Amino acid sequence: MNDQDRRYIIALGKVCVDEYYEANSWPNIGEKKLVKPMKKMIGGMIANAACVLSGYKVKTYLLDLLNDSTTTTEIIEDLNKYNVDTSLLLYDSSIADSKCIIFLVGGERVIFVVDDKRPGIRLNKEQLKMLAGAEYIYTTIPDLKELEQPFELISQLKSKGVKLAIDVEADSFIDRNDAEAYIALTDVLFLNQRAFDKYCGAQHYAETLEDLLSVGPRIVVVTRGADGCLVKTSKQEFTSPAYDVKVIDTTGAGDTFNSTFLYGILSGWDECKSAQFANGAAALAIAEIGPRGGVRPIVEIEDFIRKNTLSKE
């Protein structure tokens, strides 16, 4: 299969229900706090990214394991609304609904991800065939761990030309050794600041970036929230500032940034243009409540970038 045939992305990971609650301040340990319930929305890190990519007219499939509840029906309807292809989804009536509980205070949030124990994901022949034809698989370390024999599978897929993009958060790996085995398979690596700091440990950040590139990825991106992002390749290292906007809800901002950066790479843009565009998309994502605020037309992001200033200018 040549690169011209690889015209789709497979987003491997959970879609879930996000339950929102709002408080006027953060509680202290042991304190009781009154919170205001807000609406429930369909979210999930990988599903958010899939919706953003699909919004850019990239053919995107979501691969996840769901039950047969009414919540799943709502999830399917929501994904269809964003034109995400759901034909690769698997079903198991014994598993619980995936859920996140999100508390908002002044635009910042704390997310509690409900740890729903699930069986390993066994892929059928059709799914394996589709994975082998993807241009990229976009996923996380915990989602890879749900696959049967993930290292063998991803190695086989990469031998067929499939590329891997992984979003790494601090809670998704035990220690550096645990993460490194998965990072070694990665082509484009995204880490938020907390994950990068955890991976660094006592090592200087510049040495850690070099170590990460030596392990496997050809692009390493560290997202820094209001401070934009840092990008490292074998040829360059640079920072790209964020845009100065009022923060309403940061949920989904990282998913928006990552998927938009990946869209830029898929479109043949260089890393600088991809980072700037992704920062613009993430800025729009945090301007409204909800995990899918980053699903925007390309022209809207371009218009935003033209009209708005960078936070570090």
C-alpha atoms as a PDB file:
ATOM      1  CA  MET A   1       0.000   0.000   0.000  1.00  0.00           C
ATOM      2  CA  ASN A   2       1.446   3.394  -0.955  1.00  0.00           C
ATOM      3  CA  ASP A   3       1.070   6.684   0.920  1.00  0.00           C
ATOM      4  CA  GLN A   4      -1.618   7.900  -1.481  1.00  0.00           C
ATOM      5  CA  ASP A   5      -3.880   5.094  -0.288  1.00  0.00           C
ATOM      6  CA  ARG A   6      -3.436   6.001   3.391  1.00  0.00           C
ATOM      7  CA  ARG A   7      -6.082   8.650   3.637  1.00  0.00           C
ATOM      8  CA  TYR A   8      -7.554   7.973   7.054  1.00  0.00           C
ATOM      9  CA  ILE A   9      -6.735   8.078  10.752  1.00  0.00           C
ATOM     10  CA  ILE A  10      -7.762   5.569  13.374  1.00  0.00           C
ATOM     11  CA  ALA A  11      -8.312   7.089  16.806  1.00  0.00           C
ATOM     12  CA  LEU A  12      -7.844   4.257  19.301  1.00  0.00           C
ATOM     13  CA  GLY A  13      -9.295   5.044  22.705  1.00  0.00           C
ATOM     14  CA  LYS A  14     -12.232   5.805  24.920  1.00  0.00           C
ATOM     15  CA  VAL A  15     -15.297   7.881  24.326  1.00  0.00           C
ATOM     16  CA  CYS A  16     -17.121   8.746  27.524  1.00  0.00           C
ATOM     17  CA  VAL A  17     -19.723  10.906  29.234  1.00  0.00           C
ATOM     18  CA  ASP A  18     -18.391  14.082  30.866  1.00  0.00           C
ATOM     19  CA  GLU A  19     -20.398  15.192  33.920  1.00  0.00           C
ATOM     20  CA  TYR A  20     -19.768  18.887  34.660  1.00  0.00           C
ATOM     21  CA  TYR A  21     -20.037  20.591  38.052  1.00  0.00           C
ATOM     22  CA  GLU A  22     -19.189  24.212  38.868  1.00  0.00           C
ATOM     23  CA  ALA A  23     -17.839  25.627  42.155  1.00  0.00           C
ATOM     24  CA  ASN A  24     -16.877  29.154  43.202  1.00  0.00           C
ATOM     25  CA  SER A  25     -13.545  28.042  44.695  1.00  0.00           C
ATOM     26  CA  TRP A  26     -11.404  24.953  45.199  1.00  0.00           C
ATOM     27  CA  PRO A  27     -12.018  23.086  48.481  1.00  0.00           C
ATOM     28  CA  ASN A  28      -9.332  22.303  51.021  1.00  0.00           C
ATOM     29  CA  ILE A  29      -8.661  18.708  51.998  1.00  0.00           C
ATOM     30  CA  GLY A  30     -11.454  17.497  54.267  1.00  0.00           C
ATOM     31  CA  GLU A  31     -13.736  20.416  53.405  1.00  0.00           C
ATOM     32  CA  LYS A  32     -17.300  20.002  52.187  1.00  0.00           C
ATOM     33  CA  LYS A  33     -18.102  22.061  49.085  1.00  0.00           C
ATOM     34  CA  LEU A  34     -21.395  22.924  47.399  1.00  0.00           C
ATOM     35  CA  VAL A  35     -21.220  22.495  43.631  1.00  0.00           C
ATOM     36  CA  LYS A  36     -23.665  23.380  40.893  1.00  0.00           C
ATOM     37  CA  PRO A  37     -24.496  20.571  38.463  1.00  0.00           C
ATOM     38  CA  MET A  38     -24.145  21.472  34.799  1.00  0.00           C
ATOM     39  CA  LYS A  39     -25.065  19.544  31.675  1.00  0.00           C
ATOM     40  CA  LYS A  40     -23.601  16.201  30.667  1.00  0.00           C
ATOM     41  CA  MET A  41     -21.675  16.027  27.412  1.00  0.00           C
ATOM     42  CA  ILE A  42     -20.026  13.336  25.337  1.00  0.00           C
ATOM     43  CA  GLY A  43     -16.232  13.555  25.600  1.00  0.00           C
ATOM     44  CA  GLY A  44     -13.147  11.407  25.992  1.00  0.00           C
ATOM     45  CA  MET A  45      -9.604  12.410  24.998  1.00  0.00           C
ATOM     46  CA  ILE A  46      -9.326  10.259  21.906  1.00  0.00           C
ATOM     47  CA  ALA A  47     -12.913  10.844  20.839  1.00  0.00           C
ATOM     48  CA  ASN A  48     -12.406  14.614  21.155  1.00  0.00           C
ATOM     49  CA  ALA A  49      -9.367  14.406  18.883  1.00  0.00           C
ATOM     50  CA  ALA A  50     -11.290  12.244  16.416  1.00  0.00           C
ATOM     51  CA  CYS A  51     -14.052  14.857  16.196  1.00  0.00           C
ATOM     52  CA  VAL A  52     -11.529  17.647  15.584  1.00  0.00           C
ATOM     53  CA  LEU A  53      -9.790  15.689  12.818  1.00  0.00           C
ATOM     54  CA  SER A  54     -13.105  14.797  11.230  1.00  0.00           C
ATOM     55  CA  GLY A  55     -14.029  18.490  11.365  1.00  0.00           C
ATOM     56  CA  TYR A  56     -10.976  19.160   9.178  1.00  0.00           C
ATOM     57  CA  LYS A  57     -12.393  16.680   6.628  1.00  0.00           C
ATOM     58  CA  VAL A  58      -9.877  13.966   7.561  1.00  0.00           C
ATOM     59  CA  LYS A  59     -11.490  10.533   7.346  1.00  0.00           C
ATOM     60  CA  THR A  60     -11.353   9.374  10.967  1.00  0.00           C
ATOM     61  CA  TYR A  61     -12.463   6.137  12.606  1.00  0.00           C
ATOM     62  CA  LEU A  62     -12.937   5.641  16.335  1.00  0.00           C
ATOM     63  CA  LEU A  63     -11.966   2.242  17.732  1.00  0.00           C
ATOM     64  CA  ASP A  64     -13.252   1.607  21.252  1.00  0.00           C
ATOM     65  CA  LEU A  65     -15.110  -0.950  23.334  1.00  0.00           C
ATOM     66  CA  LEU A  66     -18.653   0.034  24.356  1.00  0.00           C
ATOM     67  CA  ASN A  67     -21.631  -1.637  26.025  1.00  0.00           C
ATOM     68  CA  ASP A  68     -25.192  -1.842  24.688  1.00  0.00           C
ATOM     69  CA  SER A  69     -26.761   0.779  26.985  1.00  0.00           C
ATOM     70  CA  THR A  70     -28.807   3.847  26.095  1.00  0.00           C
ATOM     71  CA  THR A  71     -25.673   5.879  26.803  1.00  0.00           C
ATOM     72  CA  THR A  72     -23.930   4.077  23.961  1.00  0.00           C
ATOM     73  CA  THR A  73     -26.799   5.036  21.674  1.00  0.00           C
ATOM     74  CA  GLU A  74     -26.275   8.674  22.652  1.00  0.00           C
ATOM     75  CA  ILE A  75     -22.527   8.311  22.077  1.00  0.00           C
ATOM     76  CA  ILE A  76     -23.031   6.888  18.586  1.00  0.00           C
ATOM     77  CA  GLU A  77     -25.448   9.684  17.711  1.00  0.00           C
ATOM     78  CA  ASP A  78     -22.941  12.270  18.928  1.00  0.00           C
ATOM     79  CA  LEU A  79     -20.047  10.763  16.950  1.00  0.00           C
ATOM     80  CA  ASN A  80     -22.202  10.590  13.838  1.00  0.00           C
ATOM     81  CA  LYS A  81     -23.023  14.278  14.286  1.00  0.00           C
ATOM     82  CA  TYR A  82     -19.293  15.006  13.995  1.00  0.00           C
ATOM     83  CA  ASN A  83     -18.914  12.607  11.034  1.00  0.00           C
ATOM     84  CA  VAL A  84     -16.620  10.236  12.928  1.00  0.00           C
ATOM     85  CA  ASP A  85     -16.836   6.752  11.436  1.00  0.00           C
ATOM     86  CA  THR A  86     -18.101   4.294  14.090  1.00  0.00           C
ATOM     87  CA  SER A  87     -17.937   1.105  12.010  1.00  0.00           C
ATOM     88  CA  LEU A  88     -14.877  -0.217  13.893  1.00  0.00           C
ATOM     89  CA  LEU A  89     -16.435  -0.003  17.365  1.00  0.00           C
ATOM     90  CA  LEU A  90     -16.638  -3.180  19.442  1.00  0.00           C
ATOM     91  CA  TYR A  91     -19.356  -4.029  21.953  1.00  0.00           C
ATOM     92  CA  ASP A  92     -19.459  -5.902  25.262  1.00  0.00           C
ATOM     93  CA  SER A  93     -22.631  -5.770  27.329  1.00  0.00           C
ATOM     94  CA  SER A  94     -20.754  -6.604  30.556  1.00  0.00           C
ATOM     95  CA  ILE A  95     -18.748  -3.382  30.788  1.00  0.00           C
ATOM     96  CA  ALA A  96     -19.860  -0.157  32.468  1.00  0.00           C
ATOM     97  CA  ASP A  97     -20.322   3.237  30.846  1.00  0.00           C
ATOM     98  CA  SER A  98     -17.069   5.209  30.710  1.00  0.00           C
ATOM     99  CA  LYS A  99     -17.418   8.452  32.664  1.00  0.00           C
ATOM    100  CA  CYS A 100     -15.431  11.546  33.684  1.00  0.00           C
ATOM    101  CA  ILE A 101     -16.466  13.911  36.475  1.00  0.00           C
ATOM    102  CA  ILE A 102     -15.287  17.456  35.798  1.00  0.00           C
ATOM    103  CA  PHE A 103     -15.220  20.290  38.324  1.00  0.00           C
ATOM    104  CA  LEU A 104     -14.883  23.850  36.978  1.00  0.00           C
ATOM    105  CA  VAL A 105     -13.614  26.827  38.953  1.00  0.00           C
ATOM    106  CA  GLY A 106     -12.985  30.045  37.054  1.00  0.00           C
ATOM    107  CA  GLY A 107     -12.197  28.333  33.761  1.00  0.00           C
ATOM    108  CA  GLU A 108      -9.739  25.792  35.187  1.00  0.00           C
ATOM    109  CA  ARG A 109     -10.834  22.266  35.884  1.00  0.00           C
ATOM    110  CA  VAL A 110     -10.085  19.058  37.730  1.00  0.00           C
ATOM    111  CA  ILE A 111     -11.052  15.840  35.989  1.00  0.00           C
ATOM    112  CA  PHE A 112     -11.778  12.583  37.777  1.00  0.00           C
ATOM    113  CA  VAL A 113     -11.671   9.669  35.343  1.00  0.00           C
ATOM    114  CA  VAL A 114     -13.743   6.763  36.635  1.00  0.00           C
ATOM    115  CA  ASP A 115     -11.566   3.656  36.488  1.00  0.00           C
ATOM    116  CA  ASP A 116     -13.879   1.169  34.800  1.00  0.00           C
ATOM    117  CA  LYS A 117     -12.254  -2.256  34.635  1.00  0.00           C
ATOM    118  CA  ARG A 118     -12.539  -3.625  31.124  1.00  0.00           C
ATOM    119  CA  PRO A 119     -11.445  -6.775  29.331  1.00  0.00           C
ATOM    120  CA  GLY A 120      -8.649  -6.598  26.794  1.00  0.00           C
ATOM    121  CA  ILE A 121      -9.598  -5.576  23.262  1.00  0.00           C
ATOM    122  CA  ARG A 122      -9.371  -8.419  20.766  1.00  0.00           C
ATOM    123  CA  LEU A 123      -9.444  -7.118  17.215  1.00  0.00           C
ATOM    124  CA  ASN A 124     -11.140  -8.983  14.389  1.00  0.00           C
ATOM    125  CA  LYS A 125      -9.728  -9.430  10.888  1.00  0.00           C
ATOM    126  CA  GLU A 126     -11.563  -6.434   9.457  1.00  0.00           C
ATOM    127  CA  GLN A 127     -10.271  -4.137  12.184  1.00  0.00           C
ATOM    128  CA  LEU A 128      -6.710  -5.427  11.762  1.00  0.00           C
ATOM    129  CA  LYS A 129      -6.956  -4.833   8.028  1.00  0.00           C
ATOM    130  CA  MET A 130      -8.175  -1.288   8.593  1.00  0.00           C
ATOM    131  CA  LEU A 131      -5.412  -0.589  11.107  1.00  0.00           C
ATOM    132  CA  ALA A 132      -2.820  -1.786   8.600  1.00  0.00           C
ATOM    133  CA  GLY A 133      -4.106   0.707   6.031  1.00  0.00           C
ATOM    134  CA  ALA A 134      -4.189   3.779   8.278  1.00  0.00           C
ATOM    135  CA  GLU A 135      -1.797   6.677   7.831  1.00  0.00           C
ATOM    136  CA  TYR A 136      -1.704   7.265  11.583  1.00  0.00           C
ATOM    137  CA  ILE A 137      -3.039   5.620  14.700  1.00  0.00           C
ATOM    138  CA  TYR A 138      -3.677   8.270  17.357  1.00  0.00           C
ATOM    139  CA  THR A 139      -3.912   6.917  20.896  1.00  0.00           C
ATOM    140  CA  THR A 140      -2.627   6.917  24.495  1.00  0.00           C
ATOM    141  CA  ILE A 141      -0.501   4.511  26.523  1.00  0.00           C
ATOM    142  CA  PRO A 142      -3.456   3.190  28.609  1.00  0.00           C
ATOM    143  CA  ASP A 143      -5.457   2.592  25.423  1.00  0.00           C
ATOM    144  CA  LEU A 144      -2.563   0.696  23.843  1.00  0.00           C
ATOM    145  CA  LYS A 145      -2.341  -1.428  26.982  1.00  0.00           C
ATOM    146  CA  GLU A 146      -5.901  -2.619  26.424  1.00  0.00           C
ATOM    147  CA  LEU A 147      -4.894  -4.318  23.176  1.00  0.00           C
ATOM    148  CA  GLU A 148      -3.802  -7.927  23.152  1.00  0.00           C
ATOM    149  CA  GLN A 149      -0.017  -8.050  22.639  1.00  0.00           C
ATOM    150  CA  PRO A 150       0.252  -4.318  21.829  1.00  0.00           C
ATOM    151  CA  PHE A 151       3.994  -4.275  21.130  1.00  0.00           C
ATOM    152  CA  GLU A 152       3.802  -7.076  18.605  1.00  0.00           C
ATOM    153  CA  LEU A 153       0.726  -5.566  16.943  1.00  0.00           C
ATOM    154  CA  ILE A 154       2.102  -2.029  16.638  1.00  0.00           C
ATOM    155  CA  SER A 155       5.458  -3.326  15.415  1.00  0.00           C
ATOM    156  CA  GLN A 156       3.684  -5.303  12.684  1.00  0.00           C
ATOM    157  CA  LEU A 157       1.600  -2.275  11.701  1.00  0.00           C
ATOM    158  CA  LYS A 158       4.650  -0.023  11.541  1.00  0.00           C
ATOM    159  CA  SER A 159       6.364  -2.536   9.276  1.00  0.00           C
ATOM    160  CA  LYS A 160       3.432  -1.998   6.900  1.00  0.00           C
ATOM    161  CA  GLY A 161       3.924   1.795   6.899  1.00  0.00           C
ATOM    162  CA  VAL A 162       1.495   2.823   9.654  1.00  0.00           C
ATOM    163  CA  LYS A 163       2.652   5.725  11.847  1.00  0.00           C
ATOM    164  CA  LEU A 164       1.839   6.153  15.531  1.00  0.00           C
ATOM    165  CA  ALA A 165       1.000   9.359  17.413  1.00  0.00           C
ATOM    166  CA  ILE A 166       0.650   9.088  21.194  1.00  0.00           C
ATOM    167  CA  ASP A 167      -0.709  11.561  23.739  1.00  0.00           C
ATOM    168  CA  VAL A 168       1.070  11.050  27.081  1.00  0.00           C
ATOM    169  CA  GLU A 169      -0.269  12.377  30.379  1.00  0.00           C
ATOM    170  CA  ALA A 170       1.413  12.065  33.772  1.00  0.00           C
ATOM    171  CA  ASP A 171      -1.056   9.510  35.115  1.00  0.00           C
ATOM    172  CA  SER A 172      -0.718   7.303  32.034  1.00  0.00           C
ATOM    173  CA  PHE A 173       2.657   5.794  32.951  1.00  0.00           C
ATOM    174  CA  ILE A 174       4.244   4.460  36.122  1.00  0.00           C
ATOM    175  CA  ASP A 175       7.795   5.604  35.516  1.00  0.00           C
ATOM    176  CA  ARG A 176      10.217   6.362  32.711  1.00  0.00           C
ATOM    177  CA  ASN A 177      10.867   2.713  31.915  1.00  0.00           C
ATOM    178  CA  ASP A 178       7.149   2.016  31.648  1.00  0.00           C
ATOM    179  CA  ALA A 179       6.626   4.880  29.197  1.00  0.00           C
ATOM    180  CA  GLU A 180       9.770   4.349  27.144  1.00  0.00           C
ATOM    181  CA  ALA A 181       8.668   0.996  25.747  1.00  0.00           C
ATOM    182  CA  TYR A 182       5.636   2.656  24.142  1.00  0.00           C
ATOM    183  CA  ILE A 183       7.448   5.852  23.185  1.00  0.00           C
ATOM    184  CA  ALA A 184       9.911   3.733  21.211  1.00  0.00           C
ATOM    185  CA  LEU A 185       7.074   2.832  18.826  1.00  0.00           C
ATOM    186  CA  THR A 186       5.987   6.447  18.341  1.00  0.00           C
ATOM    187  CA  ASP A 187       6.469   8.756  15.356  1.00  0.00           C
ATOM    188  CA  VAL A 188       4.848  11.892  16.813  1.00  0.00           C
ATOM    189  CA  LEU A 189       4.902  12.197  20.602  1.00  0.00           C
ATOM    190  CA  PHE A 190       2.755  14.635  22.592  1.00  0.00           C
ATOM    191  CA  LEU A 191       3.352  15.226  26.310  1.00  0.00           C
ATOM    192  CA  ASN A 192       1.705  17.815  28.510  1.00  0.00           C
ATOM    193  CA  GLN A 193       3.976  19.691  30.934  1.00  0.00           C
ATOM    194  CA  ARG A 194       3.190  17.456  33.919  1.00  0.00           C
ATOM    195  CA  ALA A 195       3.952  14.317  31.933  1.00  0.00           C
ATOM    196  CA  PHE A 196       7.191  15.788  30.603  1.00  0.00           C
ATOM    197  CA  ASP A 197       8.303  16.848  34.097  1.00  0.00           C
ATOM    198  CA  LYS A 198       7.551  13.367  35.425  1.00  0.00           C
ATOM    199  CA  TYR A 199       9.496  11.769  32.571  1.00  0.00           C
ATOM    200  CA  CYS A 200      12.431  14.167  33.125  1.00  0.00           C
ATOM    201  CA  GLY A 201      12.767  13.466  36.822  1.00  0.00           C
ATOM    202  CA  ALA A 202      16.039  15.047  37.912  1.00  0.00           C
ATOM    203  CA  GLN A 203      17.373  15.229  34.360  1.00  0.00           C
ATOM    204  CA  HIS A 204      17.639  18.573  32.556  1.00  0.00           C
ATOM    205  CA  TYR A 205      14.839  19.099  30.045  1.00  0.00           C
ATOM    206  CA  ALA A 206      17.241  19.503  27.100  1.00  0.00           C
ATOM    207  CA  GLU A 207      18.844  16.124  27.818  1.00  0.00           C
ATOM    208  CA  THR A 208      15.421  14.535  28.159  1.00  0.00           C
ATOM    209  CA  LEU A 209      14.349  15.872  24.761  1.00  0.00           C
ATOM    210  CA  GLU A 210      17.468  14.402  23.178  1.00  0.00           C
ATOM    211  CA  ASP A 211      16.833  11.088  24.932  1.00  0.00           C
ATOM    212  CA  LEU A 212      13.243  11.008  23.675  1.00  0.00           C
ATOM    213  CA  LEU A 213      14.339  11.541  20.074  1.00  0.00           C
ATOM    214  CA  SER A 214      16.963   8.836  20.401  1.00  0.00           C
ATOM    215  CA  VAL A 215      14.323   6.357  21.593  1.00  0.00           C
ATOM    216  CA  GLY A 216      12.104   6.634  18.524  1.00  0.00           C
ATOM    217  CA  PRO A 217       9.894   9.682  17.836  1.00  0.00           C
ATOM    218  CA  ARG A 218      10.819  12.005  14.998  1.00  0.00           C
ATOM    219  CA  ILE A 219       8.771  14.856  16.519  1.00  0.00           C
ATOM    220  CA  VAL A 220       8.379  15.569  20.240  1.00  0.00           C
ATOM    221  CA  VAL A 221       5.827  18.185  21.332  1.00  0.00           C
ATOM    222  CA  VAL A 222       5.457  19.413  24.917  1.00  0.00           C
ATOM    223  CA  THR A 223       2.236  21.348  25.499  1.00  0.00           C
ATOM    224  CA  ARG A 224       2.483  24.058  28.151  1.00  0.00           C
ATOM    225  CA  GLY A 225      -1.006  25.498  28.453  1.00  0.00           C
ATOM    226  CA  ALA A 226      -0.884  29.289  28.602  1.00  0.00           C
ATOM    227  CA  ASP A 227       2.812  29.139  27.678  1.00  0.00           C
ATOM    228  CA  GLY A 228       2.144  27.516  24.309  1.00  0.00           C
ATOM    229  CA  CYS A 229       4.283  24.566  23.287  1.00  0.00           C
ATOM    230  CA  LEU A 230       7.829  23.353  22.748  1.00  0.00           C
ATOM    231  CA  VAL A 231       8.686  21.323  19.652  1.00  0.00           C
ATOM    232  CA  LYS A 232      11.820  19.237  19.172  1.00  0.00           C
ATOM    233  CA  THR A 233      13.020  17.379  16.079  1.00  0.00           C
ATOM    234  CA  SER A 234      16.453  16.180  14.983  1.00  0.00           C
ATOM    235  CA  LYS A 235      16.911  19.467  13.077  1.00  0.00           C
ATOM    236  CA  GLN A 236      15.391  22.097  15.337  1.00  0.00           C
ATOM    237  CA  GLU A 237      13.964  23.053  18.707  1.00  0.00           C
ATOM    238  CA  PHE A 238      11.579  25.964  19.161  1.00  0.00           C
ATOM    239  CA  THR A 239       8.749  27.287  21.288  1.00  0.00           C
ATOM    240  CA  SER A 240       5.453  28.550  19.899  1.00  0.00           C
ATOM    241  CA  PRO A 241       3.486  30.935  22.151  1.00  0.00           C
ATOM    242  CA  ALA A 242      -0.186  30.565  23.001  1.00  0.00           C
ATOM    243  CA  TYR A 243      -2.846  33.148  22.170  1.00  0.00           C
ATOM    244  CA  ASP A 244      -4.094  35.584  24.774  1.00  0.00           C
ATOM    245  CA  VAL A 245      -7.750  34.646  25.335  1.00  0.00           C
ATOM    246  CA  LYS A 246     -10.189  34.474  28.219  1.00  0.00           C
ATOM    247  CA  VAL A 247     -10.316  30.935  29.576  1.00  0.00           C
ATOM    248  CA  ILE A 248     -13.803  29.461  29.982  1.00  0.00           C
ATOM    249  CA  ASP A 249     -13.028  25.721  30.078  1.00  0.00           C
ATOM    250  CA  THR A 250      -9.717  23.999  29.292  1.00  0.00           C
ATOM    251  CA  THR A 251     -11.309  20.575  28.835  1.00  0.00           C
ATOM    252  CA  GLY A 252     -10.357  19.196  25.430  1.00  0.00           C
ATOM    253  CA  ALA A 253      -7.732  21.872  24.742  1.00  0.00           C
ATOM    254  CA  GLY A 254      -4.893  19.353  24.652  1.00  0.00           C
ATOM    255  CA  ASP A 255      -6.886  16.994  22.439  1.00  0.00           C
ATOM    256  CA  THR A 256      -7.602  19.887  20.094  1.00  0.00           C
ATOM    257  CA  PHE A 257      -3.960  20.963  19.988  1.00  0.00           C
ATOM    258  CA  ASN A 258      -2.634  17.456  19.334  1.00  0.00           C
ATOM    259  CA  SER A 259      -5.092  16.550  16.606  1.00  0.00           C
ATOM    260  CA  THR A 260      -4.668  19.937  14.928  1.00  0.00           C
ATOM    261  CA  PHE A 261      -0.873  19.665  14.992  1.00  0.00           C
ATOM    262  CA  LEU A 262      -1.197  16.195  13.478  1.00  0.00           C
ATOM    263  CA  TYR A 263      -3.506  17.612  10.803  1.00  0.00           C
ATOM    264  CA  GLY A 264      -0.796  20.112   9.930  1.00  0.00           C
ATOM    265  CA  ILE A 265       1.794  17.359   9.534  1.00  0.00           C
ATOM    266  CA  LEU A 266      -0.649  15.339   7.414  1.00  0.00           C
ATOM    267  CA  SER A 267      -1.171  18.415   5.242  1.00  0.00           C
ATOM    268  CA  GLY A 268       2.543  18.788   4.563  1.00  0.00           C
ATOM    269  CA  TRP A 269       3.049  21.830   6.803  1.00  0.00           C
ATOM    270  CA  ASP A 270       6.295  22.305   8.685  1.00  0.00           C
ATOM    271  CA  GLU A 271       6.357  21.966  12.464  1.00  0.00           C
ATOM    272  CA  CYS A 272       6.314  25.752  13.048  1.00  0.00           C
ATOM    273  CA  LYS A 273       3.141  26.327  11.048  1.00  0.00           C
ATOM    274  CA  SER A 274       1.531  23.221  12.572  1.00  0.00           C
ATOM    275  CA  ALA A 275       2.296  24.455  16.103  1.00  0.00           C
ATOM    276  CA  GLN A 276       0.979  27.971  15.486  1.00  0.00           C
ATOM    277  CA  PHE A 277      -2.224  26.655  13.923  1.00  0.00           C
ATOM    278  CA  ALA A 278      -2.679  24.152  16.762  1.00  0.00           C
ATOM    279  CA  ASN A 279      -2.252  26.925  19.338  1.00  0.00           C
ATOM    280  CA  GLY A 280      -4.945  28.911  17.559  1.00  0.00           C
ATOM    281  CA  ALA A 281      -7.317  25.952  17.554  1.00  0.00           C
ATOM    282  CA  ALA A 282      -6.659  25.273  21.253  1.00  0.00           C
ATOM    283  CA  ALA A 283      -7.353  28.935  22.079  1.00  0.00           C
ATOM    284  CA  LEU A 284     -10.768  28.665  20.448  1.00  0.00           C
ATOM    285  CA  ALA A 285     -11.402  25.387  22.290  1.00  0.00           C
ATOM    286  CA  ILE A 286     -11.026  26.980  25.732  1.00  0.00           C
ATOM    287  CA  ALA A 287     -13.383  29.838  24.877  1.00  0.00           C
ATOM    288  CA  GLU A 288     -16.491  27.741  25.578  1.00  0.00           C
ATOM    289  CA  ILE A 289     -17.622  25.032  27.960  1.00  0.00           C
ATOM    290  CA  GLY A 290     -17.409  21.482  26.732  1.00  0.00           C
ATOM    291  CA  PRO A 291     -14.880  18.954  25.443  1.00  0.00           C
ATOM    292  CA  ARG A 292     -15.692  19.545  21.769  1.00  0.00           C
ATOM    293  CA  GLY A 293     -15.124  23.297  21.661  1.00  0.00           C
ATOM    294  CA  GLY A 294     -12.147  22.715  19.404  1.00  0.00           C
ATOM    295  CA  VAL A 295     -14.214  21.375  16.524  1.00  0.00           C
ATOM    296  CA  ARG A 296     -13.991  24.369  14.190  1.00  0.00           C
ATOM    297  CA  PRO A 297     -13.725  24.987  10.442  1.00  0.00           C
ATOM    298  CA  ILE A 298     -10.198  25.686   9.229  1.00  0.00           C
ATOM    299  CA  VAL A 299     -11.202  29.137   7.970  1.00  0.00           C
ATOM    300  CA  GLU A 300     -12.420  30.106  11.449  1.00  0.00           C
ATOM    301  CA  ILE A 301      -9.048  29.209  12.976  1.00  0.00           C
ATOM    302  CA  GLU A 302      -7.198  31.078  10.232  1.00  0.00           C
ATOM    303  CA  ASP A 303      -9.377  34.141  10.845  1.00  0.00           C
ATOM    304  CA  PHE A 304      -8.754  33.917  14.605  1.00  0.00           C
ATOM    305  CA  ILE A 305      -4.970  33.761  14.092  1.00  0.00           C
ATOM    306  CA  ARG A 306      -5.056  36.833  11.850  1.00  0.00           C
ATOM    307  CA  LYS A 307      -7.062  38.875  14.331  1.00  0.00           C
ATOM    308  CA  ASN A 308      -5.545  37.864  17.674  1.00  0.00           C
ATOM    309  CA  THR A 309      -2.270  38.434  19.461  1.00  0.00           C
ATOM    310  CA  LEU A 310       0.096  35.899  20.937  1.00  0.00           C
ATOM    311  CA  SER A 311       0.384  35.871  24.741  1.00  0.00           C
ATOM    312  CA  LYS A 312       4.167  36.433  24.650  1.00  0.00           C
ATOM    313  CA  GLU A 313       4.319  39.136  21.979  1.00  0.00           C
END
